[in-house]
Amino acid sequence: MSDTQIQASNSASLPRPSAYRWVVLSVTTISQTGTSFISQGVAAVIPFLVLQLKLNNTQVALTVSAVNIGMALTAILFGQLVDRVGEKKVLVGGGVMTGFSVFAASLANSFALLLGLLLITGLWAASSTPAGSKAIMSWFPYSMRAFAIGIRQTGVAGGGFLAALILPAIASRYNWRDAFMTASIAAVAVSFVCWFVYREDTTRERKQPKGDDPPRKHSNIHSLFRNRSLWYISVGTTAYMGAQFVLLGYTQLFLHDNVNISIHWSAFVLALTLLAGVFGRVLWGIISDRFFSGARKPVMLLIGVIMAIASLAMLLVHRGLPVWLVTVLFCCFGFSAIGWNGVWVTFVSELVGKEQSGTAVGLGMTVLQMGVLGFPLLFGSLIDRFHSYNVSWVVLFAIVCLGILTISRVREKTST
């Protein structure tokens, strides 16, 4: 066989970029859904943990944040691994180990042991976002990136949505341990799907679409630490992340205490809130790509303004308010507080270029987890201190406003 025939044969065996990119998008979204079914599923069974383990509001915050605290410890490491060894190994290996870890957590017989095992779960769960984002950055052009990453990031809210529908029902019929075991099986299953379906792009030197990032040389992590805009967007968005996990961790408890909604119906409201976040992750990406010509900063600021208004609107929620109106308010909150993530991942990736996108997203995730730990913990502590949610909502409003001001200092780069 001649060299020309061999090259033609090899080319034929490779996935076509224009078609296979949609397979990449599907697989990475499913993988993210499996991981998030665990990380956000913890919040879905919080009422059952409160009842069976006798948790106070501060412990609720720690439990909801535990997986993300673990993620903060390894996000940069996984980002570097993605940039060095490729996304497939990280996606599959991280997903399987996340599943095994949460299975171990289902066997915990005390709050301290549960907290420790959820932290270990988070060490592995950090793999999904940088690996999936790297895949999208490699396969999609600049003009489609926010949309594609927004779709992929629906796996985060989508996993939470499915968890809110499925896990409370299992915990109610059986117990929270069976709910955790179900989440474990789901994570391992989707990891095997990724292993058999996903083929890594081995043609990194293919011609880039017009308007895409110009080729860059690999730089080391020290250059990322010197990138001020990367720090501004990461630090500013910790407020958004804090609001997201306040919403995840306290929606059911808040509705039960303030609106006298049953645990069953409050779980349903949480599911709808997460579904609104799923739509938000897609629509905000489309808005950024189409209506803001690929600009990310103004969209992130707009999302923050809506989030701040929604935080204050929670002061109006009381027992006399119709349930449908309460649900609408929470869906608006979810559309912003959960919907921002896809635009953020795109923003961070484009600030540094695709060669270091995995490491940059890992670094950003590490910073974001501080918001997951700090702000829900502050929120819960204020509830315990004042025996009311009002002070907590006002403080959350102030925190989001500070986040908006910090993000406004980012110097956005756009492709030409």
Protein backbone atom coordinates (compact mmCIF):
# COMPACT_ATOMS: atom_id res chain seq x y z
CA MET A 1 0.00 0.00 0.00
CA SER A 2 1.41 3.40 -0.93
CA ASP A 3 1.99 6.25 1.53
CA THR A 4 -0.88 8.17 -0.06
CA GLN A 5 -3.24 5.23 0.42
CA ILE A 6 -2.14 4.80 4.03
CA GLN A 7 -2.76 8.49 4.75
CA ALA A 8 -6.16 8.30 3.10
CA SER A 9 -7.02 5.22 5.15
CA ASN A 10 -5.95 6.87 8.40
CA SER A 11 -7.90 10.01 7.56
CA ALA A 12 -11.00 7.97 6.88
CA SER A 13 -10.72 6.30 10.29
CA LEU A 14 -10.58 9.62 12.14
CA PRO A 15 -13.81 11.32 13.24
CA ARG A 16 -14.90 14.21 11.03
CA PRO A 17 -14.51 17.38 13.14
CA SER A 18 -17.74 18.97 11.88
CA ALA A 19 -19.83 15.90 12.77
CA TYR A 20 -17.97 14.27 15.64
CA ARG A 21 -17.90 17.48 17.67
CA TRP A 22 -21.58 16.83 18.49
CA VAL A 23 -20.69 13.39 19.80
CA VAL A 24 -18.01 15.05 21.92
CA LEU A 25 -20.57 17.51 23.23
CA SER A 26 -23.04 14.73 24.05
CA VAL A 27 -20.50 12.51 25.81
CA THR A 28 -18.95 15.30 27.89
CA THR A 29 -22.42 16.51 28.90
CA ILE A 30 -23.43 13.01 30.00
CA SER A 31 -20.17 12.65 31.91
CA GLN A 32 -20.73 15.97 33.69
CA THR A 33 -24.30 14.91 34.51
CA GLY A 34 -23.08 11.72 36.18
CA THR A 35 -20.58 13.58 38.35
CA SER A 36 -23.05 16.34 39.25
CA PHE A 37 -25.69 13.77 40.12
CA ILE A 38 -23.41 13.14 43.09
CA SER A 39 -22.03 16.60 43.90
CA GLN A 40 -25.46 18.24 43.77
CA GLY A 41 -27.34 15.16 44.87
CA VAL A 42 -26.03 15.67 48.39
CA ALA A 43 -28.15 18.83 48.64
CA ALA A 44 -31.21 16.94 47.39
CA VAL A 45 -31.18 14.58 50.39
CA ILE A 46 -30.30 17.21 52.99
CA PRO A 47 -33.72 17.06 54.74
CA PHE A 48 -33.23 13.33 55.31
CA LEU A 49 -29.70 13.83 56.62
CA VAL A 50 -31.02 16.53 58.96
CA LEU A 51 -33.62 14.12 60.34
CA GLN A 52 -31.42 11.04 60.63
CA LEU A 53 -28.09 12.63 61.65
CA LYS A 54 -29.61 15.59 63.59
CA LEU A 55 -27.69 18.29 61.68
CA ASN A 56 -27.92 21.99 62.52
CA ASN A 57 -27.78 24.72 59.85
CA THR A 58 -24.01 25.10 60.13
CA GLN A 59 -23.55 21.36 59.62
CA VAL A 60 -25.95 21.52 56.67
CA ALA A 61 -23.65 24.08 55.04
CA LEU A 62 -20.59 21.90 55.66
CA THR A 63 -22.32 18.83 54.24
CA VAL A 64 -23.50 20.62 51.10
CA SER A 65 -20.04 22.14 50.62
CA ALA A 66 -17.95 19.04 51.41
CA VAL A 67 -17.68 17.66 47.87
CA ASN A 68 -16.71 21.08 46.54
CA ILE A 69 -14.10 21.59 49.24
CA GLY A 70 -12.49 18.38 48.05
CA MET A 71 -12.69 19.64 44.48
CA ALA A 72 -10.77 22.76 45.48
CA LEU A 73 -7.81 20.61 46.54
CA THR A 74 -7.38 18.80 43.22
CA ALA A 75 -8.91 21.03 40.53
CA ILE A 76 -5.56 22.51 39.45
CA LEU A 77 -3.93 19.07 39.46
CA PHE A 78 -6.64 17.66 37.18
CA GLY A 79 -6.42 20.72 34.96
CA GLN A 80 -2.70 20.09 34.48
CA LEU A 81 -3.30 16.38 33.89
CA VAL A 82 -5.82 17.21 31.17
CA ASP A 83 -3.35 19.51 29.42
CA ARG A 84 -0.65 16.84 29.61
CA VAL A 85 -2.30 13.44 29.14
CA GLY A 86 -5.59 14.32 27.44
CA GLU A 87 -9.19 14.54 28.53
CA LYS A 88 -10.43 10.96 28.08
CA LYS A 89 -8.32 9.34 30.79
CA VAL A 90 -9.21 12.08 33.23
CA LEU A 91 -12.94 11.96 32.43
CA VAL A 92 -13.21 8.19 32.82
CA GLY A 93 -10.85 7.69 35.76
CA GLY A 94 -12.24 10.62 37.71
CA GLY A 95 -15.84 9.54 37.13
CA VAL A 96 -15.26 5.96 38.29
CA MET A 97 -13.41 7.02 41.44
CA THR A 98 -16.11 9.60 42.23
CA GLY A 99 -18.67 6.81 42.11
CA PHE A 100 -16.65 4.50 44.33
CA SER A 101 -16.06 7.28 46.87
CA VAL A 102 -19.71 8.22 47.28
CA PHE A 103 -20.52 4.51 47.67
CA ALA A 104 -18.15 4.52 50.63
CA ALA A 105 -19.90 7.65 51.96
CA SER A 106 -23.20 5.76 51.93
CA LEU A 107 -21.77 3.47 54.61
CA ALA A 108 -20.91 6.31 57.02
CA ASN A 109 -22.47 6.07 60.49
CA SER A 110 -21.62 9.54 61.81
CA PHE A 111 -21.53 13.15 60.62
CA ALA A 112 -17.73 13.37 60.90
CA LEU A 113 -17.16 10.22 58.84
CA LEU A 114 -19.73 11.28 56.24
CA LEU A 115 -18.05 14.67 55.93
CA GLY A 116 -14.62 13.09 55.44
CA LEU A 117 -15.82 10.67 52.77
CA LEU A 118 -17.65 13.44 50.89
CA LEU A 119 -14.40 15.41 50.92
CA ILE A 120 -12.65 12.42 49.33
CA THR A 121 -15.46 12.20 46.77
CA GLY A 122 -14.75 15.80 45.82
CA LEU A 123 -11.06 15.05 45.25
CA TRP A 124 -12.12 12.96 42.24
CA ALA A 125 -15.18 14.96 41.17
CA ALA A 126 -12.91 17.89 40.25
CA SER A 127 -11.83 16.02 37.11
CA SER A 128 -14.99 16.52 35.10
CA THR A 129 -15.07 20.26 34.42
CA PRO A 130 -11.49 20.86 33.18
CA ALA A 131 -11.54 17.67 31.09
CA GLY A 132 -14.89 18.41 29.48
CA SER A 133 -14.01 22.06 28.89
CA LYS A 134 -10.74 21.07 27.23
CA ALA A 135 -12.66 18.79 24.86
CA ILE A 136 -15.04 21.60 23.87
CA MET A 137 -12.20 24.10 23.43
CA SER A 138 -10.45 21.62 21.11
CA TRP A 139 -13.43 20.72 18.94
CA PHE A 140 -15.53 23.90 18.73
CA PRO A 141 -14.67 27.25 17.09
CA TYR A 142 -14.82 30.56 18.93
CA SER A 143 -18.19 31.49 17.43
CA MET A 144 -19.88 28.40 18.95
CA ARG A 145 -17.96 27.98 22.17
CA ALA A 146 -20.19 29.63 24.77
CA PHE A 147 -23.18 27.79 23.32
CA ALA A 148 -21.33 24.44 23.36
CA ILE A 149 -19.87 24.89 26.84
CA GLY A 150 -23.26 26.12 28.02
CA ILE A 151 -24.79 22.88 26.74
CA ARG A 152 -22.06 20.83 28.42
CA GLN A 153 -22.48 22.72 31.68
CA THR A 154 -26.18 21.88 31.68
CA GLY A 155 -24.84 18.56 32.93
CA VAL A 156 -24.12 20.28 36.27
CA ALA A 157 -27.64 21.63 36.74
CA GLY A 158 -29.11 18.67 34.85
CA GLY A 159 -27.45 16.26 37.24
CA GLY A 160 -28.84 18.31 40.11
CA PHE A 161 -32.30 18.33 38.52
CA LEU A 162 -32.33 14.55 38.14
CA ALA A 163 -30.96 14.16 41.65
CA ALA A 164 -33.73 16.39 43.05
CA LEU A 165 -36.34 14.24 41.31
CA ILE A 166 -34.89 10.82 42.02
CA LEU A 167 -32.82 10.83 45.20
CA PRO A 168 -35.40 12.30 47.65
CA ALA A 169 -37.92 9.72 46.42
CA ILE A 170 -35.43 6.91 47.10
CA ALA A 171 -34.46 8.39 50.48
CA SER A 172 -38.13 8.74 51.41
CA ARG A 173 -39.01 5.18 50.43
CA TYR A 174 -35.81 3.62 51.80
CA ASN A 175 -33.11 5.90 53.27
CA TRP A 176 -30.37 8.33 52.30
CA ARG A 177 -27.81 5.51 52.06
CA ASP A 178 -29.70 3.91 49.17
CA ALA A 179 -29.92 7.31 47.50
CA PHE A 180 -26.12 7.66 47.68
CA MET A 181 -25.65 4.13 46.31
CA THR A 182 -27.88 5.01 43.36
CA ALA A 183 -25.77 8.08 42.63
CA SER A 184 -22.65 5.92 42.80
CA ILE A 185 -23.97 3.47 40.20
CA ALA A 186 -24.96 6.35 37.90
CA ALA A 187 -21.47 7.91 37.99
CA VAL A 188 -19.71 4.64 37.18
CA ALA A 189 -22.18 3.83 34.40
CA VAL A 190 -21.72 7.11 32.55
CA SER A 191 -17.95 6.76 32.89
CA PHE A 192 -18.10 3.49 30.99
CA VAL A 193 -20.22 5.18 28.31
CA CYS A 194 -17.50 7.80 27.96
CA TRP A 195 -14.80 5.12 27.70
CA PHE A 196 -16.49 3.28 24.84
CA VAL A 197 -17.88 6.24 22.87
CA TYR A 198 -15.41 9.11 23.23
CA ARG A 199 -12.42 9.29 20.89
CA GLU A 200 -9.84 11.91 21.69
CA ASP A 201 -8.85 14.30 18.94
CA THR A 202 -5.37 13.26 17.78
CA THR A 203 -5.20 15.90 15.04
CA ARG A 204 -4.40 18.93 17.20
CA GLU A 205 -2.66 20.58 14.27
CA ARG A 206 -5.67 20.61 11.98
CA LYS A 207 -6.52 23.94 10.38
CA GLN A 208 -8.37 26.18 12.79
CA PRO A 209 -11.70 27.75 11.80
CA LYS A 210 -11.71 31.43 10.98
CA GLY A 211 -12.00 33.56 14.10
CA ASP A 212 -10.63 30.84 16.35
CA ASP A 213 -7.79 31.32 18.81
CA PRO A 214 -4.38 31.84 17.21
CA PRO A 215 -1.83 29.12 17.96
CA ARG A 216 0.10 29.72 21.17
CA LYS A 217 3.05 28.10 22.80
CA HIS A 218 2.50 26.18 25.99
CA SER A 219 3.29 28.27 29.04
CA ASN A 220 3.68 27.20 32.64
CA ILE A 221 1.29 27.66 35.51
CA HIS A 222 3.23 30.69 36.78
CA SER A 223 1.92 32.74 33.87
CA LEU A 224 -1.63 31.93 34.99
CA PHE A 225 -0.92 33.12 38.51
CA ARG A 226 0.25 36.44 37.02
CA ASN A 227 -2.93 36.87 34.96
CA ARG A 228 -4.90 39.55 36.82
CA SER A 229 -8.05 39.15 34.78
CA LEU A 230 -8.11 35.43 35.58
CA TRP A 231 -7.98 36.28 39.27
CA TYR A 232 -10.67 38.95 39.00
CA ILE A 233 -13.13 36.66 37.22
CA SER A 234 -12.40 33.77 39.57
CA VAL A 235 -12.58 35.76 42.80
CA GLY A 236 -15.63 37.72 41.67
CA THR A 237 -17.51 34.61 40.69
CA THR A 238 -17.03 33.04 44.14
CA ALA A 239 -20.05 35.17 45.09
CA TYR A 240 -22.07 33.58 42.28
CA MET A 241 -20.96 30.12 43.37
CA GLY A 242 -21.89 30.91 46.96
CA ALA A 243 -25.38 32.00 45.86
CA GLN A 244 -25.74 28.81 43.82
CA PHE A 245 -24.97 26.56 46.77
CA VAL A 246 -27.09 28.58 49.16
CA LEU A 247 -29.94 27.95 46.73
CA LEU A 248 -29.13 24.24 46.51
CA GLY A 249 -28.65 23.71 50.22
CA TYR A 250 -31.39 25.85 51.72
CA THR A 251 -34.28 25.95 49.23
CA GLN A 252 -36.09 22.99 50.76
CA LEU A 253 -35.48 24.05 54.36
CA PHE A 254 -36.46 27.67 53.62
CA LEU A 255 -39.69 26.67 51.89
CA HIS A 256 -40.59 24.26 54.67
CA ASP A 257 -39.92 26.82 57.42
CA ASN A 258 -41.22 30.02 55.78
CA VAL A 259 -43.96 28.84 53.40
CA ASN A 260 -44.96 25.63 55.23
CA ILE A 261 -44.44 23.55 52.07
CA SER A 262 -43.98 19.81 52.61
CA ILE A 263 -40.61 18.17 52.01
CA HIS A 264 -42.09 16.43 48.95
CA TRP A 265 -43.23 19.65 47.28
CA SER A 266 -40.14 21.62 48.31
CA ALA A 267 -38.04 18.97 46.52
CA PHE A 268 -40.20 19.53 43.45
CA VAL A 269 -39.60 23.30 43.63
CA LEU A 270 -35.86 22.63 43.94
CA ALA A 271 -36.05 20.41 40.84
CA LEU A 272 -37.78 23.17 38.86
CA THR A 273 -35.20 25.68 40.10
CA LEU A 274 -32.43 23.44 38.82
CA LEU A 275 -34.27 22.97 35.53
CA ALA A 276 -34.39 26.76 35.16
CA GLY A 277 -30.63 26.70 35.71
CA VAL A 278 -30.28 24.13 32.91
CA PHE A 279 -32.08 26.45 30.50
CA GLY A 280 -30.02 29.36 31.82
CA ARG A 281 -26.73 27.66 30.98
CA VAL A 282 -27.84 27.22 27.38
CA LEU A 283 -29.59 30.55 26.90
CA TRP A 284 -26.89 32.67 28.51
CA GLY A 285 -24.36 31.06 26.16
CA ILE A 286 -26.55 31.86 23.15
CA ILE A 287 -27.05 35.42 24.41
CA SER A 288 -23.29 35.85 24.76
CA ASP A 289 -22.48 34.36 21.35
CA ARG A 290 -25.28 35.98 19.35
CA PHE A 291 -26.44 39.17 21.04
CA PHE A 292 -23.15 40.30 22.58
CA SER A 293 -20.95 39.18 19.65
CA GLY A 294 -18.96 36.76 21.78
CA ALA A 295 -18.43 39.14 24.71
CA ARG A 296 -18.55 37.37 28.06
CA LYS A 297 -18.02 40.13 30.62
CA PRO A 298 -21.27 42.08 30.09
CA VAL A 299 -23.25 38.85 30.25
CA MET A 300 -21.61 37.86 33.55
CA LEU A 301 -22.44 41.31 34.95
CA LEU A 302 -26.06 41.08 33.79
CA ILE A 303 -26.42 37.66 35.41
CA GLY A 304 -25.05 39.08 38.66
CA VAL A 305 -27.58 41.93 38.67
CA ILE A 306 -30.48 39.48 38.26
CA MET A 307 -29.03 37.29 41.01
CA ALA A 308 -28.75 40.24 43.40
CA ILE A 309 -32.37 41.26 42.76
CA ALA A 310 -33.51 37.67 43.30
CA SER A 311 -31.68 37.55 46.65
CA LEU A 312 -33.61 40.56 47.89
CA ALA A 313 -36.86 39.15 46.49
CA MET A 314 -36.53 36.25 48.92
CA LEU A 315 -37.44 38.72 51.70
CA LEU A 316 -40.95 38.81 50.24
CA VAL A 317 -41.48 35.06 50.50
CA HIS A 318 -43.87 34.17 53.34
CA ARG A 319 -46.68 31.75 54.12
CA GLY A 320 -49.37 33.91 52.53
CA LEU A 321 -47.69 33.89 49.13
CA PRO A 322 -49.16 31.53 46.49
CA VAL A 323 -46.99 28.48 45.88
CA TRP A 324 -46.92 29.14 42.11
CA LEU A 325 -45.50 32.63 42.68
CA VAL A 326 -42.88 31.27 45.09
CA THR A 327 -41.93 28.71 42.44
CA VAL A 328 -41.57 31.44 39.79
CA LEU A 329 -39.30 33.47 42.08
CA PHE A 330 -37.07 30.48 42.75
CA CYS A 331 -36.91 29.62 39.04
CA CYS A 332 -35.78 33.18 38.26
CA PHE A 333 -33.17 32.82 40.99
CA GLY A 334 -32.03 29.50 39.52
CA PHE A 335 -31.89 30.91 35.99
CA SER A 336 -29.19 33.33 37.15
CA ALA A 337 -27.54 31.69 40.18
CA ILE A 338 -27.16 28.33 38.42
CA GLY A 339 -27.15 29.47 34.80
CA TRP A 340 -23.89 31.47 34.79
CA ASN A 341 -21.43 28.59 34.78
CA GLY A 342 -21.17 27.94 31.03
CA VAL A 343 -20.32 31.55 30.23
CA TRP A 344 -17.78 31.56 33.07
CA VAL A 345 -15.96 28.45 31.78
CA THR A 346 -15.85 29.96 28.30
CA PHE A 347 -14.61 33.29 29.67
CA VAL A 348 -11.80 31.70 31.68
CA SER A 349 -10.73 29.44 28.80
CA GLU A 350 -10.57 32.32 26.33
CA LEU A 351 -8.56 34.52 28.70
CA VAL A 352 -5.63 32.07 28.43
CA GLY A 353 -6.17 30.17 25.14
CA LYS A 354 -7.01 26.53 24.54
CA GLU A 355 -3.50 25.18 25.27
CA GLN A 356 -3.85 26.06 28.96
CA SER A 357 -7.63 26.01 29.23
CA GLY A 358 -7.67 22.88 31.37
CA THR A 359 -5.24 24.29 33.92
CA ALA A 360 -6.95 27.71 33.92
CA VAL A 361 -10.37 26.18 34.55
CA GLY A 362 -8.84 24.03 37.31
CA LEU A 363 -7.31 27.12 38.92
CA GLY A 364 -10.59 28.98 38.63
CA MET A 365 -12.49 26.05 40.14
CA THR A 366 -10.12 26.01 43.10
CA VAL A 367 -10.88 29.64 43.84
CA LEU A 368 -14.62 29.12 43.31
CA GLN A 369 -14.79 26.42 45.94
CA MET A 370 -13.92 29.03 48.55
CA GLY A 371 -17.32 30.52 47.78
CA VAL A 372 -18.93 27.12 48.20
CA LEU A 373 -17.38 26.73 51.64
CA GLY A 374 -17.55 30.28 52.94
CA PHE A 375 -20.86 31.75 51.88
CA PRO A 376 -23.29 28.88 52.57
CA LEU A 377 -21.55 28.42 55.94
CA LEU A 378 -22.02 32.13 56.69
CA PHE A 379 -25.64 31.90 55.49
CA GLY A 380 -26.41 28.97 57.79
CA SER A 381 -24.57 30.49 60.77
CA LEU A 382 -26.62 33.68 60.47
CA ILE A 383 -29.83 31.63 60.45
CA ASP A 384 -28.75 29.87 63.65
CA ARG A 385 -27.77 33.23 65.20
CA PHE A 386 -30.87 35.28 64.34
CA HIS A 387 -33.43 32.46 63.93
CA SER A 388 -34.51 34.05 60.66
CA TYR A 389 -33.51 33.94 57.02
CA ASN A 390 -33.87 37.69 56.40
CA VAL A 391 -30.40 38.74 57.53
CA SER A 392 -28.88 35.91 55.51
CA TRP A 393 -30.62 37.01 52.29
CA VAL A 394 -29.47 40.62 52.75
CA VAL A 395 -25.88 39.51 53.35
CA LEU A 396 -26.05 37.31 50.23
CA PHE A 397 -27.27 40.33 48.23
CA ALA A 398 -24.26 42.35 49.44
CA ILE A 399 -21.85 39.53 48.59
CA VAL A 400 -23.21 39.22 45.04
CA CYS A 401 -22.85 42.99 44.57
CA LEU A 402 -19.18 42.75 45.60
CA GLY A 403 -18.77 39.96 43.07
CA ILE A 404 -20.22 42.15 40.32
CA LEU A 405 -17.79 44.95 41.14
CA THR A 406 -14.83 42.56 41.06
CA ILE A 407 -15.83 41.04 37.69
CA SER A 408 -16.19 44.55 36.24
CA ARG A 409 -12.38 44.91 36.52
CA VAL A 410 -11.68 42.05 34.10
CA ARG A 411 -10.05 43.01 30.82
CA GLU A 412 -11.76 40.82 28.28
CA LYS A 413 -9.91 39.43 25.26
CA THR A 414 -11.76 38.66 22.06
CA SER A 415 -10.68 36.73 18.96
CA THR A 416 -10.20 38.57 15.71
